[in-house]
Amino acid sequence: MDKKMLSLVILAHASDVLENAFAPLSDQDYEVAMKRVRSLLELEYDAQAEKKGNEVMWAVFEAFSK
């Protein structure tokens, strides 16, 4: 996934506006979108931060998830 898109999804969730963004979707599309978002939110941010090149991005996600 593109870093910018991933950042927007994580920060929209942290700001409690993600569900508003998904409001126009059909019920089925909403469920698919939320399932994908949940899988992103359940990632181990510490493990992802250990990968070279994305340390700061994942550290910011970790900070917003607390």
C-alpha atoms as a PDB file:
ATOM      1  CA  MET A   1       0.000   0.000   0.000  1.00  0.00           C
ATOM      2  CA  ASP A   2       1.156   3.522  -0.752  1.00  0.00           C
ATOM      3  CA  LYS A   3       2.684   5.215   2.305  1.00  0.00           C
ATOM      4  CA  LYS A   4       0.476   8.294   1.922  1.00  0.00           C
ATOM      5  CA  MET A   5      -2.720   6.238   1.696  1.00  0.00           C
ATOM      6  CA  LEU A   6      -1.704   4.101   4.662  1.00  0.00           C
ATOM      7  CA  SER A   7      -0.956   7.244   6.669  1.00  0.00           C
ATOM      8  CA  LEU A   8      -4.342   8.747   5.797  1.00  0.00           C
ATOM      9  CA  VAL A   9      -6.171   5.603   6.897  1.00  0.00           C
ATOM     10  CA  ILE A  10      -4.294   5.317  10.201  1.00  0.00           C
ATOM     11  CA  LEU A  11      -4.665   9.011  11.027  1.00  0.00           C
ATOM     12  CA  ALA A  12      -8.343   9.057  10.003  1.00  0.00           C
ATOM     13  CA  HIS A  13      -8.932   6.189  12.406  1.00  0.00           C
ATOM     14  CA  ALA A  14      -7.033   7.981  15.171  1.00  0.00           C
ATOM     15  CA  SER A  15      -9.161  11.089  14.545  1.00  0.00           C
ATOM     16  CA  ASP A  16     -12.439   9.108  14.626  1.00  0.00           C
ATOM     17  CA  VAL A  17     -13.445  10.237  11.127  1.00  0.00           C
ATOM     18  CA  LEU A  18     -12.860   6.985   9.272  1.00  0.00           C
ATOM     19  CA  GLU A  19     -16.441   5.767   9.567  1.00  0.00           C
ATOM     20  CA  ASN A  20     -17.698   9.063   8.136  1.00  0.00           C
ATOM     21  CA  ALA A  21     -15.439   8.559   5.121  1.00  0.00           C
ATOM     22  CA  PHE A  22     -16.926   5.107   4.568  1.00  0.00           C
ATOM     23  CA  ALA A  23     -20.550   6.251   5.025  1.00  0.00           C
ATOM     24  CA  PRO A  24     -21.370   6.512   1.286  1.00  0.00           C
ATOM     25  CA  LEU A  25     -20.324   2.894   0.691  1.00  0.00           C
ATOM     26  CA  SER A  26     -22.818   0.077   0.288  1.00  0.00           C
ATOM     27  CA  ASP A  27     -23.109  -2.290   3.244  1.00  0.00           C
ATOM     28  CA  GLN A  28     -20.997  -4.927   1.528  1.00  0.00           C
ATOM     29  CA  ASP A  29     -18.285  -2.449   0.492  1.00  0.00           C
ATOM     30  CA  TYR A  30     -18.310  -0.967   4.002  1.00  0.00           C
ATOM     31  CA  GLU A  31     -17.702  -4.387   5.547  1.00  0.00           C
ATOM     32  CA  VAL A  32     -14.840  -5.125   3.137  1.00  0.00           C
ATOM     33  CA  ALA A  33     -13.243  -1.727   3.791  1.00  0.00           C
ATOM     34  CA  MET A  34     -13.536  -2.070   7.563  1.00  0.00           C
ATOM     35  CA  LYS A  35     -12.110  -5.594   7.448  1.00  0.00           C
ATOM     36  CA  ARG A  36      -9.059  -4.311   5.585  1.00  0.00           C
ATOM     37  CA  VAL A  37      -8.661  -1.376   7.955  1.00  0.00           C
ATOM     38  CA  ARG A  38      -8.878  -3.672  10.982  1.00  0.00           C
ATOM     39  CA  SER A  39      -6.117  -5.834   9.520  1.00  0.00           C
ATOM     40  CA  LEU A  40      -3.938  -2.709   9.196  1.00  0.00           C
ATOM     41  CA  LEU A  41      -4.746  -1.559  12.711  1.00  0.00           C
ATOM     42  CA  GLU A  42      -3.847  -4.965  14.153  1.00  0.00           C
ATOM     43  CA  LEU A  43      -0.322  -4.896  12.711  1.00  0.00           C
ATOM     44  CA  GLU A  44       2.573  -4.976  15.126  1.00  0.00           C
ATOM     45  CA  TYR A  45       3.872  -1.449  14.669  1.00  0.00           C
ATOM     46  CA  ASP A  46       7.112  -2.266  16.485  1.00  0.00           C
ATOM     47  CA  ALA A  47       7.848  -5.121  14.105  1.00  0.00           C
ATOM     48  CA  GLN A  48       7.039  -2.967  11.090  1.00  0.00           C
ATOM     49  CA  ALA A  49       9.306  -0.201  12.403  1.00  0.00           C
ATOM     50  CA  GLU A  50      12.243  -2.601  12.354  1.00  0.00           C
ATOM     51  CA  LYS A  51      12.048  -2.747   8.558  1.00  0.00           C
ATOM     52  CA  LYS A  52      14.510  -0.398   6.935  1.00  0.00           C
ATOM     53  CA  GLY A  53      13.202   2.892   5.572  1.00  0.00           C
ATOM     54  CA  ASN A  54       9.904   3.201   7.439  1.00  0.00           C
ATOM     55  CA  GLU A  55      10.967   3.534  11.054  1.00  0.00           C
ATOM     56  CA  VAL A  56       9.611   7.043  11.626  1.00  0.00           C
ATOM     57  CA  MET A  57       6.287   6.381   9.907  1.00  0.00           C
ATOM     58  CA  TRP A  58       5.565   3.312  12.040  1.00  0.00           C
ATOM     59  CA  ALA A  59       6.699   5.088  15.206  1.00  0.00           C
ATOM     60  CA  VAL A  60       4.156   7.834  14.485  1.00  0.00           C
ATOM     61  CA  PHE A  61       1.439   5.212  13.929  1.00  0.00           C
ATOM     62  CA  GLU A  62       2.383   3.619  17.260  1.00  0.00           C
ATOM     63  CA  ALA A  63       2.064   6.992  18.988  1.00  0.00           C
ATOM     64  CA  PHE A  64      -1.380   7.627  17.486  1.00  0.00           C
ATOM     65  CA  SER A  65      -2.625   4.157  18.419  1.00  0.00           C
ATOM     66  CA  LYS A  66      -2.169   4.739  22.156  1.00  0.00           C
END
